[in-house]
Amino acid sequence: MKRTSTLLAALTSLLLTIPAAAQAKYATSDGELQLGVEAYKNAHYSDAVQHFEKAVDLDGSNFKARLYLATTYTSQYIPGVGTPENAQLAEHAIDQYQHVLDADTERTLRIRSAKGIAYLYMNTKMFDDAKKYYRMASDLDPDDPEPYYSVGVIDWTECYGARMQERAKLGMKPGENLDASDRDQKRICDDLASRNASIIEEGIDRLNKAINLRPDYDDAMAYINLMYREKADLECNNPMAREKDLKIADDWVDKTLTVKKAKARKSSVLTAPNPQ
């Protein structure tokens, strides 16, 4: 009896291993992709990564699996956190996105990959690389306003950061304008103008393109306002030009508020209870 029980236990153990072995033998890349998608939807990111990696191992040309793998890494990446683990997530994501970009695959997959890489570079403050990939996304889809907007945001971030650093060195208070009659302030103003003028113009141009494509793009309008204030602060040799830039900036503030109010009214109408 004991021998029979042992034999039955051994057979049961063997039978239990057969489905797993068969599953491993006949697993397909698309099957692993679907399992990964289900895991991702349920926020089981570690499981999703394993399935997507298996899908890529089974078929390196499964670019949807590579894109999902990159997206899963990106979903776990936390902007502003400087740990090695977080940096590694960004590196893994960029590597998979780049595989998709380098391949002769669907344009939509390449667009999403370009934007994914740009987003990660933007959040790691590698601004030149971020703009490179946002421009790539715009080349692939010129009718998408978001990459234009993102380049504009980066341009403002660069200009604002440089200007604040220089103003801090001079001990200037918020609201004070650079004064050309002050030798040190004029030197700083001229230096900032030489570094930032072309970036400001690019930012304004890209933000205008975003608004032309999406007329109610209030975020882009808000950043045009900020860009014109950057431009105004560099007009230390031309007070009239400064006032003109500030007037344009104020006009964009008004436009932004108008659009935001219109969106709020529309949203309230859509969410209002339907009287019976």
C-alpha atoms as a PDB file:
ATOM      1  CA  MET A   1       0.000   0.000   0.000  1.00  0.00           C
ATOM      2  CA  LYS A   2       2.820   2.333   0.897  1.00  0.00           C
ATOM      3  CA  ARG A   3       4.542   1.589  -2.403  1.00  0.00           C
ATOM      4  CA  THR A   4       1.291   2.268  -4.288  1.00  0.00           C
ATOM      5  CA  SER A   5       0.839   5.601  -2.502  1.00  0.00           C
ATOM      6  CA  THR A   6       4.398   6.586  -3.345  1.00  0.00           C
ATOM      7  CA  LEU A   7       3.875   5.655  -6.992  1.00  0.00           C
ATOM      8  CA  LEU A   8       0.637   7.639  -7.175  1.00  0.00           C
ATOM      9  CA  ALA A   9       2.360  10.646  -5.642  1.00  0.00           C
ATOM     10  CA  ALA A  10       5.162  10.410  -8.185  1.00  0.00           C
ATOM     11  CA  LEU A  11       2.697  10.142 -11.076  1.00  0.00           C
ATOM     12  CA  THR A  12       0.695  13.083  -9.783  1.00  0.00           C
ATOM     13  CA  SER A  13       3.847  15.161  -9.511  1.00  0.00           C
ATOM     14  CA  LEU A  14       4.790  14.219 -13.059  1.00  0.00           C
ATOM     15  CA  LEU A  15       1.352  15.102 -14.391  1.00  0.00           C
ATOM     16  CA  LEU A  16       1.486  18.481 -12.686  1.00  0.00           C
ATOM     17  CA  THR A  17       4.761  19.322 -14.427  1.00  0.00           C
ATOM     18  CA  ILE A  18       3.551  18.442 -17.909  1.00  0.00           C
ATOM     19  CA  PRO A  19       1.262  21.478 -18.486  1.00  0.00           C
ATOM     20  CA  ALA A  20       3.980  23.903 -17.424  1.00  0.00           C
ATOM     21  CA  ALA A  21       6.543  22.198 -19.660  1.00  0.00           C
ATOM     22  CA  ALA A  22       4.139  22.133 -22.554  1.00  0.00           C
ATOM     23  CA  GLN A  23       3.283  25.773 -22.006  1.00  0.00           C
ATOM     24  CA  ALA A  24       6.978  26.707 -22.075  1.00  0.00           C
ATOM     25  CA  LYS A  25       7.556  24.615 -25.206  1.00  0.00           C
ATOM     26  CA  TYR A  26       4.651  26.039 -27.151  1.00  0.00           C
ATOM     27  CA  ALA A  27       4.665  29.620 -25.780  1.00  0.00           C
ATOM     28  CA  THR A  28       4.413  32.239 -28.493  1.00  0.00           C
ATOM     29  CA  SER A  29       5.594  35.825 -28.587  1.00  0.00           C
ATOM     30  CA  ASP A  30       2.062  37.123 -29.144  1.00  0.00           C
ATOM     31  CA  GLY A  31       0.776  34.955 -26.312  1.00  0.00           C
ATOM     32  CA  GLU A  32       3.342  36.386 -23.922  1.00  0.00           C
ATOM     33  CA  LEU A  33       2.445  39.857 -25.187  1.00  0.00           C
ATOM     34  CA  GLN A  34      -1.202  39.326 -24.256  1.00  0.00           C
ATOM     35  CA  LEU A  35      -0.263  37.982 -20.827  1.00  0.00           C
ATOM     36  CA  GLY A  36       1.928  41.047 -20.331  1.00  0.00           C
ATOM     37  CA  VAL A  37      -0.881  43.408 -21.327  1.00  0.00           C
ATOM     38  CA  GLU A  38      -3.225  41.792 -18.800  1.00  0.00           C
ATOM     39  CA  ALA A  39      -0.598  42.062 -16.065  1.00  0.00           C
ATOM     40  CA  TYR A  40       0.066  45.698 -16.986  1.00  0.00           C
ATOM     41  CA  LYS A  41      -3.640  46.572 -16.854  1.00  0.00           C
ATOM     42  CA  ASN A  42      -3.758  45.176 -13.335  1.00  0.00           C
ATOM     43  CA  ALA A  43      -0.651  47.174 -12.340  1.00  0.00           C
ATOM     44  CA  HIS A  44       1.374  43.967 -11.883  1.00  0.00           C
ATOM     45  CA  TYR A  45       4.422  45.572 -13.455  1.00  0.00           C
ATOM     46  CA  SER A  46       7.007  42.962 -12.486  1.00  0.00           C
ATOM     47  CA  ASP A  47       4.889  40.224 -14.078  1.00  0.00           C
ATOM     48  CA  ALA A  48       4.283  42.417 -17.115  1.00  0.00           C
ATOM     49  CA  VAL A  49       8.021  42.969 -17.582  1.00  0.00           C
ATOM     50  CA  GLN A  50       8.661  39.226 -17.442  1.00  0.00           C
ATOM     51  CA  HIS A  51       6.013  38.474 -20.068  1.00  0.00           C
ATOM     52  CA  PHE A  52       7.120  41.276 -22.386  1.00  0.00           C
ATOM     53  CA  GLU A  53      10.761  40.235 -22.062  1.00  0.00           C
ATOM     54  CA  LYS A  54       9.765  36.653 -22.898  1.00  0.00           C
ATOM     55  CA  ALA A  55       7.820  37.922 -25.915  1.00  0.00           C
ATOM     56  CA  VAL A  56      10.898  39.793 -27.142  1.00  0.00           C
ATOM     57  CA  ASP A  57      13.143  36.781 -26.497  1.00  0.00           C
ATOM     58  CA  LEU A  58      10.822  34.601 -28.571  1.00  0.00           C
ATOM     59  CA  ASP A  59      10.593  37.156 -31.386  1.00  0.00           C
ATOM     60  CA  GLY A  60      12.932  40.145 -31.466  1.00  0.00           C
ATOM     61  CA  SER A  61      10.833  41.720 -34.230  1.00  0.00           C
ATOM     62  CA  ASN A  62       7.738  41.883 -32.027  1.00  0.00           C
ATOM     63  CA  PHE A  63       7.949  45.647 -31.737  1.00  0.00           C
ATOM     64  CA  LYS A  64       4.629  45.965 -29.957  1.00  0.00           C
ATOM     65  CA  ALA A  65       6.094  43.852 -27.172  1.00  0.00           C
ATOM     66  CA  ARG A  66       9.188  46.081 -27.104  1.00  0.00           C
ATOM     67  CA  LEU A  67       7.000  49.179 -26.922  1.00  0.00           C
ATOM     68  CA  TYR A  68       4.910  47.715 -24.098  1.00  0.00           C
ATOM     69  CA  LEU A  69       8.093  46.693 -22.296  1.00  0.00           C
ATOM     70  CA  ALA A  70       9.436  50.237 -22.589  1.00  0.00           C
ATOM     71  CA  THR A  71       6.098  51.643 -21.441  1.00  0.00           C
ATOM     72  CA  THR A  72       6.101  49.374 -18.391  1.00  0.00           C
ATOM     73  CA  TYR A  73       9.571  50.544 -17.418  1.00  0.00           C
ATOM     74  CA  THR A  74       8.471  54.153 -17.917  1.00  0.00           C
ATOM     75  CA  SER A  75       5.387  53.610 -15.755  1.00  0.00           C
ATOM     76  CA  GLN A  76       7.660  52.620 -12.876  1.00  0.00           C
ATOM     77  CA  TYR A  77      10.078  55.523 -13.420  1.00  0.00           C
ATOM     78  CA  ILE A  78       9.661  58.357 -10.889  1.00  0.00           C
ATOM     79  CA  PRO A  79      10.725  61.805 -12.190  1.00  0.00           C
ATOM     80  CA  GLY A  80      13.162  63.586  -9.906  1.00  0.00           C
ATOM     81  CA  VAL A  81      14.284  60.519  -7.968  1.00  0.00           C
ATOM     82  CA  GLY A  82      18.045  60.059  -8.388  1.00  0.00           C
ATOM     83  CA  THR A  83      18.455  56.452  -7.282  1.00  0.00           C
ATOM     84  CA  PRO A  84      20.441  53.993  -9.436  1.00  0.00           C
ATOM     85  CA  GLU A  85      17.346  51.782  -9.697  1.00  0.00           C
ATOM     86  CA  ASN A  86      15.267  54.656 -11.045  1.00  0.00           C
ATOM     87  CA  ALA A  87      17.963  55.626 -13.536  1.00  0.00           C
ATOM     88  CA  GLN A  88      18.140  52.015 -14.679  1.00  0.00           C
ATOM     89  CA  LEU A  89      14.416  51.993 -15.387  1.00  0.00           C
ATOM     90  CA  ALA A  90      14.870  55.003 -17.677  1.00  0.00           C
ATOM     91  CA  GLU A  91      17.836  53.374 -19.409  1.00  0.00           C
ATOM     92  CA  HIS A  92      15.942  50.112 -20.010  1.00  0.00           C
ATOM     93  CA  ALA A  93      12.957  52.014 -21.366  1.00  0.00           C
ATOM     94  CA  ILE A  94      15.064  54.141 -23.719  1.00  0.00           C
ATOM     95  CA  ASP A  95      16.840  51.032 -25.013  1.00  0.00           C
ATOM     96  CA  GLN A  96      13.557  49.350 -25.945  1.00  0.00           C
ATOM     97  CA  TYR A  97      12.077  52.536 -27.424  1.00  0.00           C
ATOM     98  CA  GLN A  98      15.219  52.950 -29.534  1.00  0.00           C
ATOM     99  CA  HIS A  99      14.879  49.407 -30.909  1.00  0.00           C
ATOM    100  CA  VAL A 100      11.418  50.354 -32.164  1.00  0.00           C
ATOM    101  CA  LEU A 101      12.619  53.661 -33.613  1.00  0.00           C
ATOM    102  CA  ASP A 102      15.484  52.005 -35.468  1.00  0.00           C
ATOM    103  CA  ALA A 103      13.197  49.414 -37.064  1.00  0.00           C
ATOM    104  CA  ASP A 104      11.160  49.687 -40.235  1.00  0.00           C
ATOM    105  CA  THR A 105       7.905  49.248 -38.358  1.00  0.00           C
ATOM    106  CA  GLU A 106       4.540  50.991 -37.964  1.00  0.00           C
ATOM    107  CA  ARG A 107       4.703  54.778 -37.868  1.00  0.00           C
ATOM    108  CA  THR A 108       2.447  54.952 -34.792  1.00  0.00           C
ATOM    109  CA  LEU A 109       4.847  52.731 -32.843  1.00  0.00           C
ATOM    110  CA  ARG A 110       7.785  54.907 -33.842  1.00  0.00           C
ATOM    111  CA  ILE A 111       5.943  58.090 -32.869  1.00  0.00           C
ATOM    112  CA  ARG A 112       5.141  56.706 -29.435  1.00  0.00           C
ATOM    113  CA  SER A 113       8.753  55.601 -29.029  1.00  0.00           C
ATOM    114  CA  ALA A 114      10.151  59.002 -29.984  1.00  0.00           C
ATOM    115  CA  LYS A 115       7.820  60.708 -27.508  1.00  0.00           C
ATOM    116  CA  GLY A 116       8.670  58.147 -24.836  1.00  0.00           C
ATOM    117  CA  ILE A 117      12.409  58.750 -25.160  1.00  0.00           C
ATOM    118  CA  ALA A 118      11.878  62.518 -25.224  1.00  0.00           C
ATOM    119  CA  TYR A 119       9.776  62.355 -22.060  1.00  0.00           C
ATOM    120  CA  LEU A 120      12.474  60.442 -20.180  1.00  0.00           C
ATOM    121  CA  TYR A 121      15.260  62.738 -21.343  1.00  0.00           C
ATOM    122  CA  MET A 122      13.160  65.747 -20.385  1.00  0.00           C
ATOM    123  CA  ASN A 123      12.648  64.421 -16.868  1.00  0.00           C
ATOM    124  CA  THR A 124      16.348  63.640 -16.485  1.00  0.00           C
ATOM    125  CA  LYS A 125      17.080  67.226 -17.596  1.00  0.00           C
ATOM    126  CA  MET A 126      18.907  66.127 -20.749  1.00  0.00           C
ATOM    127  CA  PHE A 127      17.157  68.887 -22.626  1.00  0.00           C
ATOM    128  CA  ASP A 128      19.034  68.792 -25.931  1.00  0.00           C
ATOM    129  CA  ASP A 129      18.340  65.081 -26.300  1.00  0.00           C
ATOM    130  CA  ALA A 130      14.718  65.593 -25.293  1.00  0.00           C
ATOM    131  CA  LYS A 131      14.215  68.254 -27.964  1.00  0.00           C
ATOM    132  CA  LYS A 132      15.908  66.036 -30.539  1.00  0.00           C
ATOM    133  CA  TYR A 133      13.361  63.273 -29.996  1.00  0.00           C
ATOM    134  CA  TYR A 134      10.373  65.611 -29.740  1.00  0.00           C
ATOM    135  CA  ARG A 135      11.416  67.054 -33.108  1.00  0.00           C
ATOM    136  CA  MET A 136      11.652  63.511 -34.423  1.00  0.00           C
ATOM    137  CA  ALA A 137       8.096  62.899 -33.247  1.00  0.00           C
ATOM    138  CA  SER A 138       6.980  66.087 -35.016  1.00  0.00           C
ATOM    139  CA  ASP A 139       8.665  64.952 -38.228  1.00  0.00           C
ATOM    140  CA  LEU A 140       6.772  61.659 -37.988  1.00  0.00           C
ATOM    141  CA  ASP A 141       3.458  63.383 -37.198  1.00  0.00           C
ATOM    142  CA  PRO A 142       3.435  67.121 -38.004  1.00  0.00           C
ATOM    143  CA  ASP A 143      -0.219  67.396 -36.929  1.00  0.00           C
ATOM    144  CA  ASP A 144       0.410  66.407 -33.309  1.00  0.00           C
ATOM    145  CA  PRO A 145       0.545  69.563 -31.137  1.00  0.00           C
ATOM    146  CA  GLU A 146       2.089  67.910 -28.089  1.00  0.00           C
ATOM    147  CA  PRO A 147       5.721  67.624 -29.232  1.00  0.00           C
ATOM    148  CA  TYR A 148       5.687  71.300 -30.264  1.00  0.00           C
ATOM    149  CA  TYR A 149       4.322  72.214 -26.837  1.00  0.00           C
ATOM    150  CA  SER A 150       6.937  70.091 -25.082  1.00  0.00           C
ATOM    151  CA  VAL A 151       9.807  71.765 -26.944  1.00  0.00           C
ATOM    152  CA  GLY A 152       8.359  75.126 -25.948  1.00  0.00           C
ATOM    153  CA  VAL A 153       8.245  74.065 -22.295  1.00  0.00           C
ATOM    154  CA  ILE A 154      11.873  72.918 -22.445  1.00  0.00           C
ATOM    155  CA  ASP A 155      12.926  76.191 -24.077  1.00  0.00           C
ATOM    156  CA  TRP A 156      11.254  78.194 -21.316  1.00  0.00           C
ATOM    157  CA  THR A 157      12.787  75.982 -18.610  1.00  0.00           C
ATOM    158  CA  GLU A 158      16.270  76.531 -20.007  1.00  0.00           C
ATOM    159  CA  CYS A 159      15.873  80.297 -20.363  1.00  0.00           C
ATOM    160  CA  TYR A 160      14.209  80.815 -17.009  1.00  0.00           C
ATOM    161  CA  GLY A 161      16.793  78.736 -15.151  1.00  0.00           C
ATOM    162  CA  ALA A 162      19.728  80.604 -16.687  1.00  0.00           C
ATOM    163  CA  ARG A 163      18.134  83.994 -16.004  1.00  0.00           C
ATOM    164  CA  MET A 164      17.321  83.190 -12.383  1.00  0.00           C
ATOM    165  CA  GLN A 165      20.887  82.074 -11.748  1.00  0.00           C
ATOM    166  CA  GLU A 166      22.304  85.337 -13.087  1.00  0.00           C
ATOM    167  CA  ARG A 167      19.780  87.461 -11.208  1.00  0.00           C
ATOM    168  CA  ALA A 168      20.662  85.631  -7.983  1.00  0.00           C
ATOM    169  CA  LYS A 169      24.327  86.476  -8.477  1.00  0.00           C
ATOM    170  CA  LEU A 170      23.390  90.156  -8.668  1.00  0.00           C
ATOM    171  CA  GLY A 171      21.128  89.914  -5.613  1.00  0.00           C
ATOM    172  CA  MET A 172      18.117  91.108  -7.615  1.00  0.00           C
ATOM    173  CA  LYS A 173      14.621  90.876  -6.135  1.00  0.00           C
ATOM    174  CA  PRO A 174      11.578  89.437  -7.959  1.00  0.00           C
ATOM    175  CA  GLY A 175       9.990  92.069 -10.169  1.00  0.00           C
ATOM    176  CA  GLU A 176      13.188  94.049 -10.680  1.00  0.00           C
ATOM    177  CA  ASN A 177      14.207  94.584 -14.291  1.00  0.00           C
ATOM    178  CA  LEU A 178      17.740  94.375 -15.586  1.00  0.00           C
ATOM    179  CA  ASP A 179      18.965  97.940 -15.963  1.00  0.00           C
ATOM    180  CA  ALA A 180      21.273  98.820 -18.865  1.00  0.00           C
ATOM    181  CA  SER A 181      22.602 101.824 -16.947  1.00  0.00           C
ATOM    182  CA  ASP A 182      24.157  99.449 -14.415  1.00  0.00           C
ATOM    183  CA  ARG A 183      27.372  98.038 -15.875  1.00  0.00           C
ATOM    184  CA  ASP A 184      27.081  94.609 -14.238  1.00  0.00           C
ATOM    185  CA  GLN A 185      23.409  94.243 -15.076  1.00  0.00           C
ATOM    186  CA  LYS A 186      23.995  95.299 -18.678  1.00  0.00           C
ATOM    187  CA  ARG A 187      26.760  92.720 -19.007  1.00  0.00           C
ATOM    188  CA  ILE A 188      24.461  90.002 -17.669  1.00  0.00           C
ATOM    189  CA  CYS A 189      21.617  91.176 -19.890  1.00  0.00           C
ATOM    190  CA  ASP A 190      23.765  91.112 -23.028  1.00  0.00           C
ATOM    191  CA  ASP A 191      25.149  87.694 -22.126  1.00  0.00           C
ATOM    192  CA  LEU A 192      21.679  86.250 -21.523  1.00  0.00           C
ATOM    193  CA  ALA A 193      20.414  87.764 -24.749  1.00  0.00           C
ATOM    194  CA  SER A 194      23.212  86.128 -26.730  1.00  0.00           C
ATOM    195  CA  ARG A 195      22.463  82.739 -25.123  1.00  0.00           C
ATOM    196  CA  ASN A 196      18.687  82.830 -24.868  1.00  0.00           C
ATOM    197  CA  ALA A 197      17.319  84.972 -27.695  1.00  0.00           C
ATOM    198  CA  SER A 198      17.222  82.178 -30.286  1.00  0.00           C
ATOM    199  CA  ILE A 199      15.838  79.711 -27.719  1.00  0.00           C
ATOM    200  CA  ILE A 200      13.056  82.136 -26.834  1.00  0.00           C
ATOM    201  CA  GLU A 201      12.153  82.603 -30.482  1.00  0.00           C
ATOM    202  CA  GLU A 202      12.101  78.855 -31.019  1.00  0.00           C
ATOM    203  CA  GLY A 203       9.890  78.387 -27.969  1.00  0.00           C
ATOM    204  CA  ILE A 204       7.390  80.998 -29.116  1.00  0.00           C
ATOM    205  CA  ASP A 205       7.329  79.477 -32.599  1.00  0.00           C
ATOM    206  CA  ARG A 206       6.735  75.928 -31.318  1.00  0.00           C
ATOM    207  CA  LEU A 207       4.038  77.004 -28.886  1.00  0.00           C
ATOM    208  CA  ASN A 208       2.261  78.931 -31.639  1.00  0.00           C
ATOM    209  CA  LYS A 209       2.340  75.807 -33.799  1.00  0.00           C
ATOM    210  CA  ALA A 210       0.811  73.809 -30.968  1.00  0.00           C
ATOM    211  CA  ILE A 211      -2.006  76.351 -30.605  1.00  0.00           C
ATOM    212  CA  ASN A 212      -2.624  76.478 -34.347  1.00  0.00           C
ATOM    213  CA  LEU A 213      -3.162  72.722 -34.236  1.00  0.00           C
ATOM    214  CA  ARG A 214      -5.211  72.848 -31.010  1.00  0.00           C
ATOM    215  CA  PRO A 215      -6.883  76.263 -30.680  1.00  0.00           C
ATOM    216  CA  ASP A 216      -7.990  75.647 -27.073  1.00  0.00           C
ATOM    217  CA  TYR A 217      -4.539  74.544 -25.891  1.00  0.00           C
ATOM    218  CA  ASP A 218      -4.555  76.656 -22.731  1.00  0.00           C
ATOM    219  CA  ASP A 219      -1.327  75.147 -21.359  1.00  0.00           C
ATOM    220  CA  ALA A 220       0.528  76.254 -24.493  1.00  0.00           C
ATOM    221  CA  MET A 221      -1.023  79.719 -24.179  1.00  0.00           C
ATOM    222  CA  ALA A 222       0.201  79.967 -20.593  1.00  0.00           C
ATOM    223  CA  TYR A 223       3.738  79.151 -21.680  1.00  0.00           C
ATOM    224  CA  ILE A 224       3.696  81.710 -24.515  1.00  0.00           C
ATOM    225  CA  ASN A 225       2.886  84.267 -21.851  1.00  0.00           C
ATOM    226  CA  LEU A 226       5.939  83.099 -19.892  1.00  0.00           C
ATOM    227  CA  MET A 227       8.155  83.112 -22.978  1.00  0.00           C
ATOM    228  CA  TYR A 228       7.265  86.729 -23.756  1.00  0.00           C
ATOM    229  CA  ARG A 229       8.158  87.660 -20.183  1.00  0.00           C
ATOM    230  CA  GLU A 230      11.553  86.040 -20.708  1.00  0.00           C
ATOM    231  CA  LYS A 231      11.907  88.071 -23.889  1.00  0.00           C
ATOM    232  CA  ALA A 232      10.866  91.270 -22.095  1.00  0.00           C
ATOM    233  CA  ASP A 233      13.461  90.832 -19.360  1.00  0.00           C
ATOM    234  CA  LEU A 234      16.222  90.811 -21.963  1.00  0.00           C
ATOM    235  CA  GLU A 235      15.092  94.127 -23.493  1.00  0.00           C
ATOM    236  CA  CYS A 236      17.198  96.082 -20.999  1.00  0.00           C
ATOM    237  CA  ASN A 237      18.450  98.370 -23.792  1.00  0.00           C
ATOM    238  CA  ASN A 238      14.963  99.030 -25.175  1.00  0.00           C
ATOM    239  CA  PRO A 239      12.229  99.905 -22.635  1.00  0.00           C
ATOM    240  CA  MET A 240       9.620 100.301 -25.387  1.00  0.00           C
ATOM    241  CA  ALA A 241      10.287  96.798 -26.681  1.00  0.00           C
ATOM    242  CA  ARG A 242      10.038  95.522 -23.110  1.00  0.00           C
ATOM    243  CA  GLU A 243       6.619  97.117 -22.649  1.00  0.00           C
ATOM    244  CA  LYS A 244       5.461  95.666 -25.965  1.00  0.00           C
ATOM    245  CA  ASP A 245       6.531  92.168 -24.948  1.00  0.00           C
ATOM    246  CA  LEU A 246       4.799  92.513 -21.580  1.00  0.00           C
ATOM    247  CA  LYS A 247       1.613  93.666 -23.312  1.00  0.00           C
ATOM    248  CA  ILE A 248       1.693  90.571 -25.537  1.00  0.00           C
ATOM    249  CA  ALA A 249       2.294  88.409 -22.461  1.00  0.00           C
ATOM    250  CA  ASP A 250      -0.718  89.969 -20.695  1.00  0.00           C
ATOM    251  CA  ASP A 251      -2.863  89.354 -23.787  1.00  0.00           C
ATOM    252  CA  TRP A 252      -1.931  85.667 -23.646  1.00  0.00           C
ATOM    253  CA  VAL A 253      -2.896  85.565 -19.969  1.00  0.00           C
ATOM    254  CA  ASP A 254      -6.337  86.874 -20.936  1.00  0.00           C
ATOM    255  CA  LYS A 255      -6.647  84.305 -23.726  1.00  0.00           C
ATOM    256  CA  THR A 256      -5.617  81.524 -21.365  1.00  0.00           C
ATOM    257  CA  LEU A 257      -8.230  82.520 -18.785  1.00  0.00           C
ATOM    258  CA  THR A 258     -10.924  82.795 -21.455  1.00  0.00           C
ATOM    259  CA  VAL A 259     -10.205  79.301 -22.739  1.00  0.00           C
ATOM    260  CA  LYS A 260     -10.050  77.842 -19.219  1.00  0.00           C
ATOM    261  CA  LYS A 261     -13.418  79.397 -18.344  1.00  0.00           C
ATOM    262  CA  ALA A 262     -14.961  78.067 -21.562  1.00  0.00           C
ATOM    263  CA  LYS A 263     -13.663  74.580 -20.779  1.00  0.00           C
ATOM    264  CA  ALA A 264     -15.001  74.802 -17.232  1.00  0.00           C
ATOM    265  CA  ARG A 265     -18.461  75.821 -18.493  1.00  0.00           C
ATOM    266  CA  LYS A 266     -18.468  72.993 -21.014  1.00  0.00           C
ATOM    267  CA  SER A 267     -17.385  70.513 -18.364  1.00  0.00           C
ATOM    268  CA  SER A 268     -20.124  71.666 -15.959  1.00  0.00           C
ATOM    269  CA  VAL A 269     -22.749  71.236 -18.666  1.00  0.00           C
ATOM    270  CA  LEU A 270     -21.532  67.734 -19.506  1.00  0.00           C
ATOM    271  CA  THR A 271     -21.502  66.656 -15.853  1.00  0.00           C
ATOM    272  CA  ALA A 272     -24.748  68.307 -14.822  1.00  0.00           C
ATOM    273  CA  PRO A 273     -27.598  65.909 -13.867  1.00  0.00           C
ATOM    274  CA  ASN A 274     -30.152  65.305 -16.581  1.00  0.00           C
ATOM    275  CA  PRO A 275     -33.555  66.528 -15.302  1.00  0.00           C
ATOM    276  CA  GLN A 276     -36.385  64.072 -15.892  1.00  0.00           C
END
